[in-house]
Amino acid sequence: MNKKILIVEDDEMIASMYKTKLEQEGYLVLMANNGAQGLSMAMSQNPDLVLLDIIMPQLDGFSVLQELRSSAKMKSTPIIMLTNLGTDEDKKKGGEYGATDYLVKASLTPTQVGEAIKKYL
């Protein structure tokens, strides 16, 4: 069965670029365009992995991450922060909140992100 990935990203162009790439690799891809929708979808759809942006409307990625990690069913699901916030402070915060990995969009291609995902699925 295909692994299910949830992309939580408010930039439609970026989200669809990753969706296309991941579907080509055989994943089933779900998309949410804000933090609140992402949180809701993660809880109801049980994705195998979550790609999570930080700066989004309604609920930022760090808040979503904390909520997901406090839920028993999402505790061990890989959650990869995929953002342009690349400071050491942000990376540290991601780690403290339970992110599986922290990737900076600007320094990676979709193929490289795909390689990172494979490590966790």
PDB file of N, CA and C in Angstrom:
ATOM      1  N   MET A   1       0.831  -1.201   0.000  1.00  0.00           N
ATOM      2  CA  MET A   1       0.000   0.000   0.000  1.00  0.00           C
ATOM      3  C   MET A   1       0.870   1.258   0.000  1.00  0.00           C
ATOM      4  N   ASN A   2       0.403   2.274  -0.700  1.00  0.00           N
ATOM      5  CA  ASN A   2       1.168   3.512  -0.780  1.00  0.00           C
ATOM      6  C   ASN A   2       1.209   4.227   0.555  1.00  0.00           C
ATOM      7  N   LYS A   3       2.364   4.771   0.867  1.00  0.00           N
ATOM      8  CA  LYS A   3       2.514   5.577   2.071  1.00  0.00           C
ATOM      9  C   LYS A   3       1.814   6.915   1.847  1.00  0.00           C
ATOM     10  N   LYS A   4       1.200   7.411   2.920  1.00  0.00           N
ATOM     11  CA  LYS A   4       0.436   8.652   2.835  1.00  0.00           C
ATOM     12  C   LYS A   4       1.229   9.799   3.473  1.00  0.00           C
ATOM     13  N   ILE A   5       1.414  10.872   2.716  1.00  0.00           N
ATOM     14  CA  ILE A   5       2.148  12.040   3.207  1.00  0.00           C
ATOM     15  C   ILE A   5       1.206  13.246   3.219  1.00  0.00           C
ATOM     16  N   LEU A   6       1.212  13.953   4.334  1.00  0.00           N
ATOM     17  CA  LEU A   6       0.437  15.189   4.447  1.00  0.00           C
ATOM     18  C   LEU A   6       1.392  16.367   4.326  1.00  0.00           C
ATOM     19  N   ILE A   7       1.118  17.242   3.358  1.00  0.00           N
ATOM     20  CA  ILE A   7       1.900  18.471   3.197  1.00  0.00           C
ATOM     21  C   ILE A   7       1.075  19.618   3.779  1.00  0.00           C
ATOM     22  N   VAL A   8       1.636  20.291   4.778  1.00  0.00           N
ATOM     23  CA  VAL A   8       0.956  21.443   5.383  1.00  0.00           C
ATOM     24  C   VAL A   8       1.779  22.669   4.980  1.00  0.00           C
ATOM     25  N   GLU A   9       1.270  23.404   3.990  1.00  0.00           N
ATOM     26  CA  GLU A   9       2.021  24.497   3.353  1.00  0.00           C
ATOM     27  C   GLU A   9       1.042  25.507   2.777  1.00  0.00           C
ATOM     28  N   ASP A  10       1.201  26.770   3.138  1.00  0.00           N
ATOM     29  CA  ASP A  10       0.254  27.781   2.660  1.00  0.00           C
ATOM     30  C   ASP A  10       0.605  28.350   1.290  1.00  0.00           C
ATOM     31  N   ASP A  11       1.809  28.117   0.808  1.00  0.00           N
ATOM     32  CA  ASP A  11       2.199  28.595  -0.521  1.00  0.00           C
ATOM     33  C   ASP A  11       1.806  27.520  -1.538  1.00  0.00           C
ATOM     34  N   GLU A  12       0.768  27.817  -2.314  1.00  0.00           N
ATOM     35  CA  GLU A  12       0.198  26.831  -3.231  1.00  0.00           C
ATOM     36  C   GLU A  12       1.197  26.311  -4.256  1.00  0.00           C
ATOM     37  N   MET A  13       2.040  27.196  -4.754  1.00  0.00           N
ATOM     38  CA  MET A  13       3.010  26.791  -5.765  1.00  0.00           C
ATOM     39  C   MET A  13       4.010  25.792  -5.178  1.00  0.00           C
ATOM     40  N   ILE A  14       4.519  26.089  -3.993  1.00  0.00           N
ATOM     41  CA  ILE A  14       5.471  25.190  -3.340  1.00  0.00           C
ATOM     42  C   ILE A  14       4.793  23.858  -3.015  1.00  0.00           C
ATOM     43  N   ALA A  15       3.588  23.927  -2.460  1.00  0.00           N
ATOM     44  CA  ALA A  15       2.859  22.709  -2.095  1.00  0.00           C
ATOM     45  C   ALA A  15       2.635  21.813  -3.308  1.00  0.00           C
ATOM     46  N   SER A  16       2.196  22.405  -4.423  1.00  0.00           N
ATOM     47  CA  SER A  16       1.908  21.573  -5.595  1.00  0.00           C
ATOM     48  C   SER A  16       3.189  21.020  -6.210  1.00  0.00           C
ATOM     49  N   MET A  17       4.291  21.745  -6.096  1.00  0.00           N
ATOM     50  CA  MET A  17       5.576  21.249  -6.595  1.00  0.00           C
ATOM     51  C   MET A  17       5.979  19.984  -5.811  1.00  0.00           C
ATOM     52  N   TYR A  18       5.852  20.033  -4.487  1.00  0.00           N
ATOM     53  CA  TYR A  18       6.192  18.856  -3.676  1.00  0.00           C
ATOM     54  C   TYR A  18       5.190  17.724  -3.900  1.00  0.00           C
ATOM     55  N   LYS A  19       3.925  18.073  -4.048  1.00  0.00           N
ATOM     56  CA  LYS A  19       2.884  17.061  -4.286  1.00  0.00           C
ATOM     57  C   LYS A  19       3.200  16.287  -5.567  1.00  0.00           C
ATOM     58  N   THR A  20       3.503  17.017  -6.638  1.00  0.00           N
ATOM     59  CA  THR A  20       3.837  16.388  -7.917  1.00  0.00           C
ATOM     60  C   THR A  20       5.036  15.457  -7.774  1.00  0.00           C
ATOM     61  N   LYS A  21       6.081  15.944  -7.141  1.00  0.00           N
ATOM     62  CA  LYS A  21       7.309  15.175  -6.975  1.00  0.00           C
ATOM     63  C   LYS A  21       7.041  13.900  -6.170  1.00  0.00           C
ATOM     64  N   LEU A  22       6.310  14.035  -5.064  1.00  0.00           N
ATOM     65  CA  LEU A  22       6.070  12.879  -4.196  1.00  0.00           C
ATOM     66  C   LEU A  22       5.121  11.864  -4.840  1.00  0.00           C
ATOM     67  N   GLU A  23       4.140  12.359  -5.603  1.00  0.00           N
ATOM     68  CA  GLU A  23       3.246  11.441  -6.319  1.00  0.00           C
ATOM     69  C   GLU A  23       4.019  10.654  -7.376  1.00  0.00           C
ATOM     70  N   GLN A  24       4.986  11.304  -8.013  1.00  0.00           N
ATOM     71  CA  GLN A  24       5.822  10.605  -9.004  1.00  0.00           C
ATOM     72  C   GLN A  24       6.608   9.478  -8.337  1.00  0.00           C
ATOM     73  N   GLU A  25       6.904   9.658  -7.052  1.00  0.00           N
ATOM     74  CA  GLU A  25       7.652   8.635  -6.313  1.00  0.00           C
ATOM     75  C   GLU A  25       6.726   7.584  -5.708  1.00  0.00           C
ATOM     76  N   GLY A  26       5.421   7.704  -5.990  1.00  0.00           N
ATOM     77  CA  GLY A  26       4.491   6.670  -5.576  1.00  0.00           C
ATOM     78  C   GLY A  26       3.759   6.895  -4.261  1.00  0.00           C
ATOM     79  N   TYR A  27       3.910   8.085  -3.700  1.00  0.00           N
ATOM     80  CA  TYR A  27       3.215   8.377  -2.445  1.00  0.00           C
ATOM     81  C   TYR A  27       1.804   8.896  -2.704  1.00  0.00           C
ATOM     82  N   LEU A  28       0.929   8.679  -1.747  1.00  0.00           N
ATOM     83  CA  LEU A  28      -0.394   9.282  -1.752  1.00  0.00           C
ATOM     84  C   LEU A  28      -0.225  10.605  -0.997  1.00  0.00           C
ATOM     85  N   VAL A  29      -0.567  11.726  -1.625  1.00  0.00           N
ATOM     86  CA  VAL A  29      -0.291  13.026  -1.016  1.00  0.00           C
ATOM     87  C   VAL A  29      -1.580  13.776  -0.685  1.00  0.00           C
ATOM     88  N   LEU A  30      -1.666  14.224   0.565  1.00  0.00           N
ATOM     89  CA  LEU A  30      -2.763  15.069   1.031  1.00  0.00           C
ATOM     90  C   LEU A  30      -2.194  16.464   1.251  1.00  0.00           C
ATOM     91  N   MET A  31      -3.041  17.490   1.069  1.00  0.00           N
ATOM     92  CA  MET A  31      -2.537  18.853   1.251  1.00  0.00           C
ATOM     93  C   MET A  31      -3.456  19.664   2.148  1.00  0.00           C
ATOM     94  N   ALA A  32      -2.833  20.477   2.999  1.00  0.00           N
ATOM     95  CA  ALA A  32      -3.563  21.422   3.840  1.00  0.00           C
ATOM     96  C   ALA A  32      -2.882  22.770   3.647  1.00  0.00           C
ATOM     97  N   ASN A  33      -3.679  23.852   3.549  1.00  0.00           N
ATOM     98  CA  ASN A  33      -3.059  25.146   3.254  1.00  0.00           C
ATOM     99  C   ASN A  33      -2.992  26.097   4.449  1.00  0.00           C
ATOM    100  N   ASN A  34      -3.287  25.593   5.653  1.00  0.00           N
ATOM    101  CA  ASN A  34      -3.038  26.386   6.856  1.00  0.00           C
ATOM    102  C   ASN A  34      -2.846  25.437   8.034  1.00  0.00           C
ATOM    103  N   GLY A  35      -2.358  25.960   9.130  1.00  0.00           N
ATOM    104  CA  GLY A  35      -2.035  25.121  10.279  1.00  0.00           C
ATOM    105  C   GLY A  35      -3.233  24.419  10.882  1.00  0.00           C
ATOM    106  N   ALA A  36      -4.348  25.107  10.995  1.00  0.00           N
ATOM    107  CA  ALA A  36      -5.541  24.505  11.603  1.00  0.00           C
ATOM    108  C   ALA A  36      -6.038  23.330  10.760  1.00  0.00           C
ATOM    109  N   GLN A  37      -6.087  23.533   9.438  1.00  0.00           N
ATOM    110  CA  GLN A  37      -6.516  22.460   8.536  1.00  0.00           C
ATOM    111  C   GLN A  37      -5.518  21.300   8.589  1.00  0.00           C
ATOM    112  N   GLY A  38      -4.237  21.627   8.656  1.00  0.00           N
ATOM    113  CA  GLY A  38      -3.198  20.599   8.731  1.00  0.00           C
ATOM    114  C   GLY A  38      -3.341  19.746   9.984  1.00  0.00           C
ATOM    115  N   LEU A  39      -3.595  20.392  11.103  1.00  0.00           N
ATOM    116  CA  LEU A  39      -3.765  19.683  12.371  1.00  0.00           C
ATOM    117  C   LEU A  39      -4.965  18.739  12.292  1.00  0.00           C
ATOM    118  N   SER A  40      -6.065  19.268  11.785  1.00  0.00           N
ATOM    119  CA  SER A  40      -7.287  18.488  11.657  1.00  0.00           C
ATOM    120  C   SER A  40      -7.082  17.282  10.732  1.00  0.00           C
ATOM    121  N   MET A  41      -6.439  17.519   9.587  1.00  0.00           N
ATOM    122  CA  MET A  41      -6.214  16.430   8.625  1.00  0.00           C
ATOM    123  C   MET A  41      -5.251  15.382   9.182  1.00  0.00           C
ATOM    124  N   ALA A  42      -4.229  15.832   9.892  1.00  0.00           N
ATOM    125  CA  ALA A  42      -3.269  14.886  10.463  1.00  0.00           C
ATOM    126  C   ALA A  42      -3.980  13.953  11.438  1.00  0.00           C
ATOM    127  N   MET A  43      -4.888  14.500  12.235  1.00  0.00           N
ATOM    128  CA  MET A  43      -5.598  13.701  13.224  1.00  0.00           C
ATOM    129  C   MET A  43      -6.608  12.752  12.569  1.00  0.00           C
ATOM    130  N   SER A  44      -7.257  13.195  11.493  1.00  0.00           N
ATOM    131  CA  SER A  44      -8.304  12.363  10.897  1.00  0.00           C
ATOM    132  C   SER A  44      -7.781  11.396   9.832  1.00  0.00           C
ATOM    133  N   GLN A  45      -6.699  11.753   9.162  1.00  0.00           N
ATOM    134  CA  GLN A  45      -6.214  10.946   8.030  1.00  0.00           C
ATOM    135  C   GLN A  45      -5.060   9.996   8.374  1.00  0.00           C
ATOM    136  N   ASN A  46      -4.485  10.142   9.555  1.00  0.00           N
ATOM    137  CA  ASN A  46      -3.357   9.292   9.969  1.00  0.00           C
ATOM    138  C   ASN A  46      -2.267   9.143   8.903  1.00  0.00           C
ATOM    139  N   PRO A  47      -1.651  10.244   8.487  1.00  0.00           N
ATOM    140  CA  PRO A  47      -0.596  10.120   7.467  1.00  0.00           C
ATOM    141  C   PRO A  47       0.610   9.357   8.024  1.00  0.00           C
ATOM    142  N   ASP A  48       1.398   8.786   7.105  1.00  0.00           N
ATOM    143  CA  ASP A  48       2.616   8.083   7.504  1.00  0.00           C
ATOM    144  C   ASP A  48       3.747   9.060   7.787  1.00  0.00           C
ATOM    145  N   LEU A  49       3.613  10.280   7.242  1.00  0.00           N
ATOM    146  CA  LEU A  49       4.617  11.322   7.448  1.00  0.00           C
ATOM    147  C   LEU A  49       3.955  12.669   7.194  1.00  0.00           C
ATOM    148  N   VAL A  50       4.419  13.698   7.916  1.00  0.00           N
ATOM    149  CA  VAL A  50       3.903  15.057   7.735  1.00  0.00           C
ATOM    150  C   VAL A  50       5.054  15.977   7.349  1.00  0.00           C
ATOM    151  N   LEU A  51       4.861  16.743   6.267  1.00  0.00           N
ATOM    152  CA  LEU A  51       5.786  17.825   5.900  1.00  0.00           C
ATOM    153  C   LEU A  51       5.115  19.101   6.372  1.00  0.00           C
ATOM    154  N   LEU A  52       5.774  19.850   7.240  1.00  0.00           N
ATOM    155  CA  LEU A  52       5.129  20.959   7.925  1.00  0.00           C
ATOM    156  C   LEU A  52       5.894  22.264   7.781  1.00  0.00           C
ATOM    157  N   ASP A  53       5.238  23.253   7.195  1.00  0.00           N
ATOM    158  CA  ASP A  53       5.809  24.597   7.115  1.00  0.00           C
ATOM    159  C   ASP A  53       5.637  25.252   8.489  1.00  0.00           C
ATOM    160  N   ILE A  54       6.321  26.357   8.735  1.00  0.00           N
ATOM    161  CA  ILE A  54       6.179  27.033  10.027  1.00  0.00           C
ATOM    162  C   ILE A  54       5.287  28.265   9.925  1.00  0.00           C
ATOM    163  N   ILE A  55       5.600  29.151   8.988  1.00  0.00           N
ATOM    164  CA  ILE A  55       4.831  30.396   8.911  1.00  0.00           C
ATOM    165  C   ILE A  55       3.596  30.185   8.044  1.00  0.00           C
ATOM    166  N   MET A  56       2.435  30.088   8.724  1.00  0.00           N
ATOM    167  CA  MET A  56       1.165  29.833   8.027  1.00  0.00           C
ATOM    168  C   MET A  56       0.036  30.554   8.746  1.00  0.00           C
ATOM    169  N   PRO A  57      -1.074  30.753   8.027  1.00  0.00           N
ATOM    170  CA  PRO A  57      -2.241  31.374   8.674  1.00  0.00           C
ATOM    171  C   PRO A  57      -2.878  30.442   9.709  1.00  0.00           C
ATOM    172  N   GLN A  58      -3.604  31.011  10.616  1.00  0.00           N
ATOM    173  CA  GLN A  58      -4.404  30.352  11.653  1.00  0.00           C
ATOM    174  C   GLN A  58      -3.598  29.702  12.762  1.00  0.00           C
ATOM    175  N   LEU A  59      -2.664  28.851  12.406  1.00  0.00           N
ATOM    176  CA  LEU A  59      -1.861  28.154  13.403  1.00  0.00           C
ATOM    177  C   LEU A  59      -0.489  27.953  12.796  1.00  0.00           C
ATOM    178  N   ASP A  60       0.576  28.393  13.506  1.00  0.00           N
ATOM    179  CA  ASP A  60       1.905  28.212  12.907  1.00  0.00           C
ATOM    180  C   ASP A  60       2.371  26.758  13.071  1.00  0.00           C
ATOM    181  N   GLY A  61       3.400  26.422  12.326  1.00  0.00           N
ATOM    182  CA  GLY A  61       3.891  25.047  12.314  1.00  0.00           C
ATOM    183  C   GLY A  61       4.363  24.546  13.666  1.00  0.00           C
ATOM    184  N   PHE A  62       4.969  25.421  14.474  1.00  0.00           N
ATOM    185  CA  PHE A  62       5.413  24.985  15.799  1.00  0.00           C
ATOM    186  C   PHE A  62       4.223  24.589  16.668  1.00  0.00           C
ATOM    187  N   SER A  63       3.120  25.348  16.569  1.00  0.00           N
ATOM    188  CA  SER A  63       1.913  25.019  17.344  1.00  0.00           C
ATOM    189  C   SER A  63       1.324  23.696  16.877  1.00  0.00           C
ATOM    190  N   VAL A  64       1.282  23.502  15.556  1.00  0.00           N
ATOM    191  CA  VAL A  64       0.773  22.245  14.997  1.00  0.00           C
ATOM    192  C   VAL A  64       1.635  21.082  15.495  1.00  0.00           C
ATOM    193  N   LEU A  65       2.940  21.269  15.438  1.00  0.00           N
ATOM    194  CA  LEU A  65       3.875  20.232  15.874  1.00  0.00           C
ATOM    195  C   LEU A  65       3.631  19.858  17.339  1.00  0.00           C
ATOM    196  N   GLN A  66       3.482  20.859  18.194  1.00  0.00           N
ATOM    197  CA  GLN A  66       3.237  20.588  19.615  1.00  0.00           C
ATOM    198  C   GLN A  66       1.929  19.817  19.818  1.00  0.00           C
ATOM    199  N   GLU A  67       0.890  20.239  19.113  1.00  0.00           N
ATOM    200  CA  GLU A  67      -0.405  19.558  19.223  1.00  0.00           C
ATOM    201  C   GLU A  67      -0.301  18.100  18.777  1.00  0.00           C
ATOM    202  N   LEU A  68       0.370  17.886  17.638  1.00  0.00           N
ATOM    203  CA  LEU A  68       0.489  16.526  17.116  1.00  0.00           C
ATOM    204  C   LEU A  68       1.300  15.646  18.056  1.00  0.00           C
ATOM    205  N   ARG A  69       2.364  16.189  18.614  1.00  0.00           N
ATOM    206  CA  ARG A  69       3.206  15.405  19.510  1.00  0.00           C
ATOM    207  C   ARG A  69       2.516  15.103  20.843  1.00  0.00           C
ATOM    208  N   SER A  70       1.517  15.885  21.189  1.00  0.00           N
ATOM    209  CA  SER A  70       0.803  15.617  22.443  1.00  0.00           C
ATOM    210  C   SER A  70      -0.310  14.577  22.232  1.00  0.00           C
ATOM    211  N   SER A  71      -0.537  14.194  20.981  1.00  0.00           N
ATOM    212  CA  SER A  71      -1.551  13.187  20.660  1.00  0.00           C
ATOM    213  C   SER A  71      -0.896  11.808  20.587  1.00  0.00           C
ATOM    214  N   ALA A  72      -1.499  10.843  21.261  1.00  0.00           N
ATOM    215  CA  ALA A  72      -0.925   9.489  21.294  1.00  0.00           C
ATOM    216  C   ALA A  72      -0.744   8.909  19.888  1.00  0.00           C
ATOM    217  N   LYS A  73      -1.718   9.146  18.987  1.00  0.00           N
ATOM    218  CA  LYS A  73      -1.614   8.498  17.671  1.00  0.00           C
ATOM    219  C   LYS A  73      -0.612   9.175  16.737  1.00  0.00           C
ATOM    220  N   MET A  74      -0.192  10.405  17.060  1.00  0.00           N
ATOM    221  CA  MET A  74       0.786  11.090  16.198  1.00  0.00           C
ATOM    222  C   MET A  74       2.169  11.188  16.859  1.00  0.00           C
ATOM    223  N   LYS A  75       2.316  10.594  18.024  1.00  0.00           N
ATOM    224  CA  LYS A  75       3.562  10.716  18.785  1.00  0.00           C
ATOM    225  C   LYS A  75       4.777  10.207  18.021  1.00  0.00           C
ATOM    226  N   SER A  76       4.593   9.090  17.301  1.00  0.00           N
ATOM    227  CA  SER A  76       5.755   8.495  16.633  1.00  0.00           C
ATOM    228  C   SER A  76       5.751   8.698  15.117  1.00  0.00           C
ATOM    229  N   THR A  77       4.759   9.413  14.598  1.00  0.00           N
ATOM    230  CA  THR A  77       4.718   9.710  13.158  1.00  0.00           C
ATOM    231  C   THR A  77       5.853  10.673  12.809  1.00  0.00           C
ATOM    232  N   PRO A  78       6.631  10.388  11.763  1.00  0.00           N
ATOM    233  CA  PRO A  78       7.673  11.337  11.369  1.00  0.00           C
ATOM    234  C   PRO A  78       7.055  12.680  10.947  1.00  0.00           C
ATOM    235  N   ILE A  79       7.548  13.760  11.536  1.00  0.00           N
ATOM    236  CA  ILE A  79       7.104  15.101  11.165  1.00  0.00           C
ATOM    237  C   ILE A  79       8.355  15.887  10.785  1.00  0.00           C
ATOM    238  N   ILE A  80       8.414  16.275   9.512  1.00  0.00           N
ATOM    239  CA  ILE A  80       9.567  17.009   9.002  1.00  0.00           C
ATOM    240  C   ILE A  80       9.171  18.472   8.820  1.00  0.00           C
ATOM    241  N   MET A  81       9.870  19.350   9.502  1.00  0.00           N
ATOM    242  CA  MET A  81       9.659  20.781   9.318  1.00  0.00           C
ATOM    243  C   MET A  81      10.302  21.143   7.979  1.00  0.00           C
ATOM    244  N   LEU A  82       9.533  21.768   7.099  1.00  0.00           N
ATOM    245  CA  LEU A  82      10.036  22.175   5.788  1.00  0.00           C
ATOM    246  C   LEU A  82       9.723  23.657   5.655  1.00  0.00           C
ATOM    247  N   THR A  83      10.735  24.475   5.870  1.00  0.00           N
ATOM    248  CA  THR A  83      10.509  25.904   6.055  1.00  0.00           C
ATOM    249  C   THR A  83      11.670  26.713   5.514  1.00  0.00           C
ATOM    250  N   ASN A  84      11.494  28.014   5.465  1.00  0.00           N
ATOM    251  CA  ASN A  84      12.613  28.891   5.127  1.00  0.00           C
ATOM    252  C   ASN A  84      13.208  29.539   6.371  1.00  0.00           C
ATOM    253  N   LEU A  85      12.673  29.222   7.545  1.00  0.00           N
ATOM    254  CA  LEU A  85      13.265  29.717   8.788  1.00  0.00           C
ATOM    255  C   LEU A  85      14.459  28.828   9.108  1.00  0.00           C
ATOM    256  N   GLY A  86      15.645  29.327   8.824  1.00  0.00           N
ATOM    257  CA  GLY A  86      16.824  28.475   8.949  1.00  0.00           C
ATOM    258  C   GLY A  86      17.752  28.815  10.089  1.00  0.00           C
ATOM    259  N   THR A  87      17.295  29.624  11.049  1.00  0.00           N
ATOM    260  CA  THR A  87      18.198  29.991  12.143  1.00  0.00           C
ATOM    261  C   THR A  87      18.414  28.805  13.071  1.00  0.00           C
ATOM    262  N   ASP A  88      19.538  28.815  13.764  1.00  0.00           N
ATOM    263  CA  ASP A  88      19.825  27.751  14.733  1.00  0.00           C
ATOM    264  C   ASP A  88      18.750  27.715  15.807  1.00  0.00           C
ATOM    265  N   GLU A  89      18.254  28.882  16.173  1.00  0.00           N
ATOM    266  CA  GLU A  89      17.212  28.982  17.199  1.00  0.00           C
ATOM    267  C   GLU A  89      15.935  28.256  16.757  1.00  0.00           C
ATOM    268  N   ASP A  90      15.532  28.486  15.505  1.00  0.00           N
ATOM    269  CA  ASP A  90      14.336  27.813  14.979  1.00  0.00           C
ATOM    270  C   ASP A  90      14.539  26.303  14.902  1.00  0.00           C
ATOM    271  N   LYS A  91      15.726  25.896  14.452  1.00  0.00           N
ATOM    272  CA  LYS A  91      16.023  24.464  14.344  1.00  0.00           C
ATOM    273  C   LYS A  91      15.977  23.812  15.727  1.00  0.00           C
ATOM    274  N   LYS A  92      16.532  24.515  16.702  1.00  0.00           N
ATOM    275  CA  LYS A  92      16.551  24.009  18.076  1.00  0.00           C
ATOM    276  C   LYS A  92      15.123  23.868  18.601  1.00  0.00           C
ATOM    277  N   LYS A  93      14.310  24.881  18.330  1.00  0.00           N
ATOM    278  CA  LYS A  93      12.910  24.866  18.762  1.00  0.00           C
ATOM    279  C   LYS A  93      12.176  23.680  18.130  1.00  0.00           C
ATOM    280  N   GLY A  94      12.397  23.464  16.840  1.00  0.00           N
ATOM    281  CA  GLY A  94      11.797  22.328  16.150  1.00  0.00           C
ATOM    282  C   GLY A  94      12.161  21.014  16.823  1.00  0.00           C
ATOM    283  N   GLY A  95      13.422  20.873  17.147  1.00  0.00           N
ATOM    284  CA  GLY A  95      13.893  19.657  17.820  1.00  0.00           C
ATOM    285  C   GLY A  95      13.271  19.494  19.203  1.00  0.00           C
ATOM    286  N   GLU A  96      13.205  20.580  19.941  1.00  0.00           N
ATOM    287  CA  GLU A  96      12.628  20.538  21.287  1.00  0.00           C
ATOM    288  C   GLU A  96      11.147  20.167  21.243  1.00  0.00           C
ATOM    289  N   TYR A  97      10.463  20.616  20.187  1.00  0.00           N
ATOM    290  CA  TYR A  97       9.032  20.337  20.065  1.00  0.00           C
ATOM    291  C   TYR A  97       8.747  18.963  19.463  1.00  0.00           C
ATOM    292  N   GLY A  98       9.806  18.272  19.043  1.00  0.00           N
ATOM    293  CA  GLY A  98       9.625  16.903  18.577  1.00  0.00           C
ATOM    294  C   GLY A  98       9.685  16.672  17.082  1.00  0.00           C
ATOM    295  N   ALA A  99      10.206  17.639  16.317  1.00  0.00           N
ATOM    296  CA  ALA A  99      10.333  17.427  14.868  1.00  0.00           C
ATOM    297  C   ALA A  99      11.313  16.285  14.608  1.00  0.00           C
ATOM    298  N   THR A 100      10.979  15.440  13.655  1.00  0.00           N
ATOM    299  CA  THR A 100      11.839  14.325  13.274  1.00  0.00           C
ATOM    300  C   THR A 100      13.058  14.851  12.522  1.00  0.00           C
ATOM    301  N   ASP A 101      12.828  15.885  11.715  1.00  0.00           N
ATOM    302  CA  ASP A 101      13.904  16.486  10.930  1.00  0.00           C
ATOM    303  C   ASP A 101      13.515  17.937  10.662  1.00  0.00           C
ATOM    304  N   TYR A 102      14.489  18.727  10.249  1.00  0.00           N
ATOM    305  CA  TYR A 102      14.251  20.154  10.000  1.00  0.00           C
ATOM    306  C   TYR A 102      14.970  20.504   8.711  1.00  0.00           C
ATOM    307  N   LEU A 103      14.209  20.769   7.660  1.00  0.00           N
ATOM    308  CA  LEU A 103      14.786  21.065   6.351  1.00  0.00           C
ATOM    309  C   LEU A 103      14.485  22.505   5.944  1.00  0.00           C
ATOM    310  N   VAL A 104      15.490  23.163   5.386  1.00  0.00           N
ATOM    311  CA  VAL A 104      15.302  24.535   4.914  1.00  0.00           C
ATOM    312  C   VAL A 104      15.048  24.490   3.408  1.00  0.00           C
ATOM    313  N   LYS A 105      13.834  24.938   3.024  1.00  0.00           N
ATOM    314  CA  LYS A 105      13.387  24.861   1.622  1.00  0.00           C
ATOM    315  C   LYS A 105      14.389  25.458   0.646  1.00  0.00           C
ATOM    316  N   ALA A 106      14.887  26.643   0.990  1.00  0.00           N
ATOM    317  CA  ALA A 106      15.726  27.391   0.054  1.00  0.00           C
ATOM    318  C   ALA A 106      17.005  26.638  -0.299  1.00  0.00           C
ATOM    319  N   SER A 107      17.461  25.748   0.587  1.00  0.00           N
ATOM    320  CA  SER A 107      18.739  25.084   0.303  1.00  0.00           C
ATOM    321  C   SER A 107      18.580  23.659  -0.228  1.00  0.00           C
ATOM    322  N   LEU A 108      17.337  23.244  -0.514  1.00  0.00           N
ATOM    323  CA  LEU A 108      17.120  21.881  -0.998  1.00  0.00           C
ATOM    324  C   LEU A 108      16.209  21.852  -2.219  1.00  0.00           C
ATOM    325  N   THR A 109      16.438  20.873  -3.086  1.00  0.00           N
ATOM    326  CA  THR A 109      15.540  20.657  -4.216  1.00  0.00           C
ATOM    327  C   THR A 109      14.451  19.676  -3.763  1.00  0.00           C
ATOM    328  N   PRO A 110      13.333  19.607  -4.497  1.00  0.00           N
ATOM    329  CA  PRO A 110      12.316  18.606  -4.158  1.00  0.00           C
ATOM    330  C   PRO A 110      12.877  17.181  -4.148  1.00  0.00           C
ATOM    331  N   THR A 111      13.847  16.903  -5.018  1.00  0.00           N
ATOM    332  CA  THR A 111      14.464  15.573  -5.039  1.00  0.00           C
ATOM    333  C   THR A 111      15.184  15.300  -3.722  1.00  0.00           C
ATOM    334  N   GLN A 112      15.899  16.301  -3.205  1.00  0.00           N
ATOM    335  CA  GLN A 112      16.606  16.134  -1.930  1.00  0.00           C
ATOM    336  C   GLN A 112      15.620  15.945  -0.782  1.00  0.00           C
ATOM    337  N   VAL A 113      14.500  16.657  -0.840  1.00  0.00           N
ATOM    338  CA  VAL A 113      13.462  16.491   0.185  1.00  0.00           C
ATOM    339  C   VAL A 113      12.899  15.073   0.099  1.00  0.00           C
ATOM    340  N   GLY A 114      12.696  14.593  -1.125  1.00  0.00           N
ATOM    341  CA  GLY A 114      12.226  13.225  -1.342  1.00  0.00           C
ATOM    342  C   GLY A 114      13.175  12.190  -0.746  1.00  0.00           C
ATOM    343  N   GLU A 115      14.483  12.438  -0.870  1.00  0.00           N
ATOM    344  CA  GLU A 115      15.480  11.543  -0.295  1.00  0.00           C
ATOM    345  C   GLU A 115      15.372  11.540   1.237  1.00  0.00           C
ATOM    346  N   ALA A 116      15.160  12.716   1.811  1.00  0.00           N
ATOM    347  CA  ALA A 116      15.028  12.816   3.270  1.00  0.00           C
ATOM    348  C   ALA A 116      13.793  12.042   3.734  1.00  0.00           C
ATOM    349  N   ILE A 117      12.708  12.150   2.984  1.00  0.00           N
ATOM    350  CA  ILE A 117      11.468  11.448   3.338  1.00  0.00           C
ATOM    351  C   ILE A 117      11.679   9.943   3.347  1.00  0.00           C
ATOM    352  N   LYS A 118      12.419   9.445   2.347  1.00  0.00           N
ATOM    353  CA  LYS A 118      12.660   8.001   2.251  1.00  0.00           C
ATOM    354  C   LYS A 118      13.331   7.451   3.496  1.00  0.00           C
ATOM    355  N   LYS A 119      14.160   8.287   4.157  1.00  0.00           N
ATOM    356  CA  LYS A 119      14.852   7.836   5.364  1.00  0.00           C
ATOM    357  C   LYS A 119      13.860   7.478   6.477  1.00  0.00           C
ATOM    358  N   TYR A 120      12.702   8.120   6.462  1.00  0.00           N
ATOM    359  CA  TYR A 120      11.760   7.963   7.574  1.00  0.00           C
ATOM    360  C   TYR A 120      10.576   7.058   7.262  1.00  0.00           C
ATOM    361  N   LEU A 121      10.435   6.640   6.015  1.00  0.00           N
ATOM    362  CA  LEU A 121       9.290   5.772   5.661  1.00  0.00           C
ATOM    363  C   LEU A 121       9.755   4.365   5.303  1.00  0.00           C
TER     364      LEU A 121
END
